[in-house]
Amino acid sequence: MTAVQAPPRAARVAPTAGLRKPRRYGKALVYLALLAGAVPTLLPFVWLVRSALMQDAQMFVAPPEWIPSPFQWSNFTEALTAQPFWLYFVNTVIIAVISVLGTVLTCSVAAFSFSRLRWRGRNLTFAVLLSAVMLPYAVTLIPTFVMWQELGALDTFIPLTVPSWFAGAGGGVFNVFLLRQFFLTIPFELDEAAYIDGASPWRVFWTVVMPLSKPAIVVVTIFTFIGTWNDFLGPLLYLNDEEKYTLSLGLASFQSIYLTQWGYLMAASAAVIAPIIALFFFLQRYFIEGVTLTGIKN
């Protein structure tokens, strides 16, 4: 009986080798598409940086010049010393830290209640809370201002920080929703095991749910920090003393009705957004993981 010979090794490998070229072409097309999408996204940032290193007369020439000649490095030093930006920086950090702490704590507690605890009217209450997202910020602007005025809190950081300690205020509804969706992905068996061991809901929240929710907490932290850091309308409404100004108000000081110091404005803007970029790159792994996993159940 004649033994059946196995096909040569080259003949078996040939089909796999032939598939590599289409895969490479497909990957190259994906990279080209990403690059095409990145160019218009990065263009405003590139324009900001080149303008920060130019003289005012050189910024708006036609056709535009992309490389400064000469490099006006003095724009950064003069812009940051023209106004007390270090004081504005400290004020902004104080407001941002207090807002982040309040948002993360209260929104996570509310999300834990809506996702892990069972109580009558939970779903109805959550639906009513979500309906607040449809309420425009401008609708509550005047009543909120009058309330803080009656409480004597104008020209203080209170109107800019206290709302973050109430989960449904200050735009916290979205954060409650995001954290709730992430909490639902955590197996309920972990809660049951902790309850069997005698743990209270508060202990389950701190020792089981929160340690497993770091990606979602980082996402809420980044969103809240960026929103507070870039907030212009809130400080403009409630702060009158220049010693309490934030960075956004400091940037606006370079613009007036008759004159705009474009070089200083661009240089200061580049310096202000630098911490935001550094924060994202430092926490991007958790940020992407939190956005990806939110909404995936078990």
Protein backbone atom coordinates (compact mmCIF):
# COMPACT_ATOMS: atom_id res chain seq x y z
CA MET A 1 0.00 0.00 0.00
CA THR A 2 1.52 3.25 -1.12
CA ALA A 3 1.81 5.97 1.57
CA VAL A 4 0.26 9.31 0.79
CA GLN A 5 2.93 11.97 0.75
CA ALA A 6 2.31 15.32 2.43
CA PRO A 7 2.38 18.33 0.12
CA PRO A 8 5.60 20.29 0.04
CA ARG A 9 6.00 22.90 2.78
CA ALA A 10 6.30 25.72 0.28
CA ALA A 11 2.93 24.78 -1.26
CA ARG A 12 1.22 24.95 2.14
CA VAL A 13 2.76 28.27 3.10
CA ALA A 14 2.13 29.97 -0.22
CA PRO A 15 -1.56 30.86 0.38
CA THR A 16 -0.75 32.46 3.77
CA ALA A 17 2.11 34.44 2.29
CA GLY A 18 -0.19 35.62 -0.47
CA LEU A 19 -2.62 37.10 2.07
CA ARG A 20 0.01 39.28 3.68
CA LYS A 21 0.10 41.86 0.92
CA PRO A 22 -3.66 42.68 1.06
CA ARG A 23 -3.39 42.96 4.84
CA ARG A 24 -0.46 45.32 4.55
CA TYR A 25 -2.31 47.40 1.99
CA GLY A 26 -5.37 47.51 4.25
CA LYS A 27 -3.31 48.59 7.23
CA ALA A 28 -1.59 51.25 5.12
CA LEU A 29 -4.99 52.59 4.02
CA VAL A 30 -6.11 52.76 7.65
CA TYR A 31 -3.00 54.73 8.60
CA LEU A 32 -3.52 57.08 5.66
CA ALA A 33 -7.14 57.66 6.71
CA LEU A 34 -6.06 58.38 10.29
CA LEU A 35 -3.39 60.76 9.04
CA ALA A 36 -5.92 62.55 6.84
CA GLY A 37 -8.18 62.97 9.85
CA ALA A 38 -5.34 64.10 12.12
CA VAL A 39 -4.13 66.88 9.83
CA PRO A 40 -7.23 69.14 10.10
CA THR A 41 -7.41 68.34 13.82
CA LEU A 42 -3.81 69.41 14.47
CA LEU A 43 -3.91 72.40 12.11
CA PRO A 44 -5.39 74.87 14.67
CA PHE A 45 -2.79 73.82 17.24
CA VAL A 46 0.04 74.26 14.72
CA TRP A 47 -1.38 77.67 13.80
CA LEU A 48 -1.47 78.62 17.49
CA VAL A 49 2.16 77.64 18.07
CA ARG A 50 3.49 79.38 14.94
CA SER A 51 1.52 82.51 15.77
CA ALA A 52 2.87 82.49 19.32
CA LEU A 53 6.38 82.76 17.86
CA MET A 54 5.62 85.54 15.38
CA GLN A 55 5.25 89.28 15.40
CA ASP A 56 1.73 90.62 14.99
CA ALA A 57 2.43 91.96 11.49
CA GLN A 58 3.67 88.57 10.30
CA MET A 59 0.66 86.52 11.41
CA PHE A 60 -1.87 87.61 8.80
CA VAL A 61 0.20 88.06 5.67
CA ALA A 62 -1.03 86.42 2.47
CA PRO A 63 -0.05 83.81 1.55
CA PRO A 64 0.42 82.69 5.18
CA GLU A 65 3.89 81.99 6.49
CA TRP A 66 4.21 78.80 8.54
CA ILE A 67 7.75 79.24 9.80
CA PRO A 68 8.38 82.31 12.01
CA SER A 69 11.21 84.54 10.89
CA PRO A 70 12.60 85.48 13.32
CA PHE A 71 11.36 83.36 16.21
CA GLN A 72 9.74 85.71 18.71
CA TRP A 73 10.43 83.77 21.92
CA SER A 74 9.93 86.93 23.95
CA ASN A 75 6.18 86.64 23.39
CA PHE A 76 5.99 83.93 26.05
CA THR A 77 7.96 85.76 28.73
CA GLU A 78 6.30 89.10 28.09
CA ALA A 79 2.79 87.61 27.92
CA LEU A 80 3.14 85.70 31.18
CA THR A 81 4.52 88.77 32.95
CA ALA A 82 2.11 91.32 31.44
CA GLN A 83 -0.60 89.86 33.67
CA PRO A 84 -0.27 88.02 37.00
CA PHE A 85 -0.73 84.63 35.35
CA TRP A 86 0.79 82.76 38.26
CA LEU A 87 -1.99 84.11 40.47
CA TYR A 88 -4.57 83.21 37.83
CA PHE A 89 -3.00 79.75 37.61
CA VAL A 90 -3.33 79.19 41.37
CA ASN A 91 -6.95 80.38 41.34
CA THR A 92 -7.78 78.06 38.45
CA VAL A 93 -6.10 75.08 40.11
CA ILE A 94 -8.01 75.69 43.36
CA ILE A 95 -11.34 75.81 41.55
CA ALA A 96 -10.48 72.79 39.38
CA VAL A 97 -9.32 70.58 42.28
CA ILE A 98 -12.37 71.35 44.42
CA SER A 99 -14.69 70.77 41.45
CA VAL A 100 -13.02 67.48 40.51
CA LEU A 101 -13.20 66.14 44.07
CA GLY A 102 -16.84 67.10 44.44
CA THR A 103 -17.86 65.74 41.05
CA VAL A 104 -16.08 62.41 41.42
CA LEU A 105 -17.36 61.80 44.96
CA THR A 106 -21.00 62.82 44.57
CA CYS A 107 -21.49 61.49 41.04
CA SER A 108 -19.98 58.11 41.95
CA VAL A 109 -22.23 57.83 45.02
CA ALA A 110 -25.29 58.66 42.92
CA ALA A 111 -24.23 56.24 40.20
CA PHE A 112 -23.70 53.49 42.79
CA SER A 113 -27.21 54.03 44.09
CA PHE A 114 -28.73 53.91 40.59
CA SER A 115 -26.76 50.84 39.49
CA ARG A 116 -26.05 48.62 42.53
CA LEU A 117 -28.85 49.33 45.02
CA ARG A 118 -32.50 48.39 44.68
CA TRP A 119 -35.11 50.85 45.87
CA ARG A 120 -38.59 51.84 44.81
CA GLY A 121 -38.75 54.44 42.06
CA ARG A 122 -35.08 54.08 41.13
CA ASN A 123 -35.58 53.91 37.36
CA LEU A 124 -38.15 56.71 37.36
CA THR A 125 -35.85 58.95 39.38
CA PHE A 126 -32.98 58.21 37.03
CA ALA A 127 -35.15 59.06 34.00
CA VAL A 128 -36.13 62.38 35.57
CA LEU A 129 -32.48 63.08 36.31
CA LEU A 130 -31.51 62.37 32.70
CA SER A 131 -34.20 64.75 31.48
CA ALA A 132 -32.18 67.57 33.03
CA VAL A 133 -29.65 67.09 30.22
CA MET A 134 -32.21 68.55 27.80
CA LEU A 135 -32.43 71.75 29.86
CA PRO A 136 -30.21 74.43 28.28
CA TYR A 137 -27.67 76.10 30.53
CA ALA A 138 -28.95 79.54 29.52
CA VAL A 139 -32.39 78.77 30.98
CA THR A 140 -31.04 78.50 34.52
CA LEU A 141 -28.38 81.19 34.15
CA ILE A 142 -30.36 84.17 35.49
CA PRO A 143 -32.14 82.31 38.34
CA THR A 144 -28.81 80.81 39.45
CA PHE A 145 -27.13 84.21 39.39
CA VAL A 146 -29.95 85.76 41.44
CA MET A 147 -29.73 82.92 43.96
CA TRP A 148 -25.99 83.40 44.53
CA GLN A 149 -26.53 87.15 44.69
CA GLU A 150 -29.14 86.74 47.45
CA LEU A 151 -26.76 84.43 49.31
CA GLY A 152 -23.99 87.03 49.11
CA ALA A 153 -21.65 84.67 47.26
CA LEU A 154 -20.75 86.90 44.34
CA ASP A 155 -17.06 87.63 43.79
CA THR A 156 -16.13 84.36 45.52
CA PHE A 157 -15.24 80.86 44.38
CA ILE A 158 -18.42 79.45 45.96
CA PRO A 159 -20.66 79.64 42.83
CA LEU A 160 -17.88 77.97 40.81
CA THR A 161 -17.18 75.09 43.22
CA VAL A 162 -20.24 74.32 45.38
CA PRO A 163 -22.47 73.07 42.49
CA SER A 164 -19.96 70.29 41.79
CA TRP A 165 -20.74 68.81 45.22
CA PHE A 166 -24.31 68.13 44.11
CA ALA A 167 -24.30 65.32 41.56
CA GLY A 168 -27.13 66.69 39.43
CA ALA A 169 -25.75 70.24 39.26
CA GLY A 170 -22.98 71.76 37.21
CA GLY A 171 -23.37 69.32 34.34
CA GLY A 172 -22.96 66.32 36.63
CA VAL A 173 -25.88 64.40 35.12
CA PHE A 174 -23.70 63.13 32.28
CA ASN A 175 -21.05 61.99 34.77
CA VAL A 176 -23.67 60.12 36.80
CA PHE A 177 -24.86 58.40 33.64
CA LEU A 178 -21.32 57.49 32.56
CA LEU A 179 -20.38 56.06 35.97
CA ARG A 180 -23.67 54.18 36.25
CA GLN A 181 -23.10 52.49 32.92
CA PHE A 182 -19.61 51.46 33.98
CA PHE A 183 -20.77 50.20 37.39
CA LEU A 184 -23.25 47.94 35.62
CA THR A 185 -20.35 46.10 33.97
CA ILE A 186 -19.01 44.95 37.35
CA PRO A 187 -20.36 41.49 38.31
CA PHE A 188 -22.99 41.65 41.04
CA GLU A 189 -21.54 38.47 42.55
CA LEU A 190 -18.78 40.61 44.06
CA ASP A 191 -21.35 42.69 45.93
CA GLU A 192 -23.18 39.60 47.14
CA ALA A 193 -19.97 38.05 48.42
CA ALA A 194 -19.18 41.23 50.33
CA TYR A 195 -22.68 41.42 51.81
CA ILE A 196 -22.40 37.78 52.96
CA ASP A 197 -19.20 38.74 54.79
CA GLY A 198 -21.15 41.45 56.60
CA ALA A 199 -20.14 44.48 54.52
CA SER A 200 -22.44 47.49 54.36
CA PRO A 201 -23.37 49.21 51.07
CA TRP A 202 -20.95 52.01 51.92
CA ARG A 203 -18.12 49.51 52.40
CA VAL A 204 -19.01 47.74 49.14
CA PHE A 205 -18.88 51.09 47.39
CA TRP A 206 -15.40 51.94 48.69
CA THR A 207 -13.72 48.53 48.69
CA VAL A 208 -15.34 46.74 45.72
CA VAL A 209 -16.85 49.13 43.19
CA MET A 210 -14.51 52.11 43.34
CA PRO A 211 -11.21 50.17 43.00
CA LEU A 212 -12.59 48.40 39.92
CA SER A 213 -13.81 51.66 38.34
CA LYS A 214 -10.54 53.53 37.96
CA PRO A 215 -10.88 53.97 34.16
CA ALA A 216 -14.33 55.55 34.44
CA ILE A 217 -13.23 57.74 37.35
CA VAL A 218 -10.27 58.95 35.31
CA VAL A 219 -12.61 59.83 32.43
CA VAL A 220 -14.86 61.85 34.75
CA THR A 221 -11.78 63.51 36.27
CA ILE A 222 -10.44 64.53 32.87
CA PHE A 223 -13.80 65.84 31.63
CA THR A 224 -14.40 67.83 34.82
CA PHE A 225 -10.88 69.22 34.95
CA ILE A 226 -10.94 70.33 31.32
CA GLY A 227 -14.40 71.87 31.69
CA THR A 228 -13.35 73.82 34.78
CA TRP A 229 -9.97 74.80 33.33
CA ASN A 230 -11.55 76.20 30.17
CA ASP A 231 -14.62 77.74 31.81
CA PHE A 232 -15.00 81.38 30.84
CA LEU A 233 -18.64 82.26 31.38
CA GLY A 234 -18.78 81.21 35.05
CA PRO A 235 -15.79 83.30 36.22
CA LEU A 236 -16.93 86.17 34.01
CA LEU A 237 -20.33 86.25 35.75
CA TYR A 238 -19.30 85.75 39.36
CA LEU A 239 -15.79 87.21 39.72
CA ASN A 240 -15.11 90.95 39.84
CA ASP A 241 -11.84 91.21 41.75
CA GLU A 242 -8.85 90.78 39.42
CA GLU A 243 -6.96 88.94 42.17
CA LYS A 244 -9.54 86.15 41.87
CA TYR A 245 -9.46 85.88 38.08
CA THR A 246 -8.89 82.56 36.38
CA LEU A 247 -6.68 81.82 33.37
CA SER A 248 -9.56 82.20 30.92
CA LEU A 249 -10.25 85.73 32.16
CA GLY A 250 -6.54 86.48 32.05
CA LEU A 251 -6.43 85.51 28.37
CA ALA A 252 -9.40 87.77 27.64
CA SER A 253 -7.47 90.73 29.05
CA PHE A 254 -5.30 90.75 25.90
CA GLN A 255 -8.37 91.65 23.84
CA SER A 256 -10.13 94.98 23.91
CA ILE A 257 -12.49 96.96 21.71
CA TYR A 258 -9.68 98.85 19.97
CA LEU A 259 -6.64 96.58 20.21
CA THR A 260 -5.80 92.89 20.37
CA GLN A 261 -2.30 91.82 21.33
CA TRP A 262 -2.23 88.74 19.13
CA GLY A 263 1.31 87.66 19.91
CA TYR A 264 0.76 87.76 23.67
CA LEU A 265 -2.67 86.14 23.31
CA MET A 266 -1.34 83.22 21.24
CA ALA A 267 1.67 82.69 23.49
CA ALA A 268 -0.41 82.74 26.67
CA SER A 269 -3.01 80.44 25.10
CA ALA A 270 -0.32 77.92 24.17
CA ALA A 271 0.99 78.01 27.75
CA VAL A 272 -2.51 77.59 29.20
CA ILE A 273 -3.41 74.50 27.15
CA ALA A 274 -0.07 72.80 27.86
CA PRO A 275 -1.25 71.28 31.21
CA ILE A 276 -4.36 69.89 29.51
CA ILE A 277 -2.28 68.17 26.85
CA ALA A 278 0.11 66.79 29.47
CA LEU A 279 -2.80 65.51 31.56
CA PHE A 280 -4.32 63.67 28.62
CA PHE A 281 -1.06 62.02 27.56
CA PHE A 282 -0.39 60.97 31.14
CA LEU A 283 -3.85 59.42 31.58
CA GLN A 284 -4.70 58.46 28.00
CA ARG A 285 -4.56 54.71 28.68
CA TYR A 286 -7.19 54.96 31.42
CA PHE A 287 -9.19 57.46 29.40
CA ILE A 288 -9.47 55.21 26.34
CA GLU A 289 -10.18 52.16 28.50
CA GLY A 290 -12.92 53.97 30.40
CA VAL A 291 -14.64 55.23 27.26
CA THR A 292 -14.36 51.81 25.62
CA LEU A 293 -15.73 49.77 28.52
CA THR A 294 -18.55 52.11 29.48
CA GLY A 295 -21.84 50.55 28.45
CA ILE A 296 -20.52 46.97 28.02
CA LYS A 297 -22.43 44.66 30.34
CA ASN A 298 -20.74 41.73 32.12
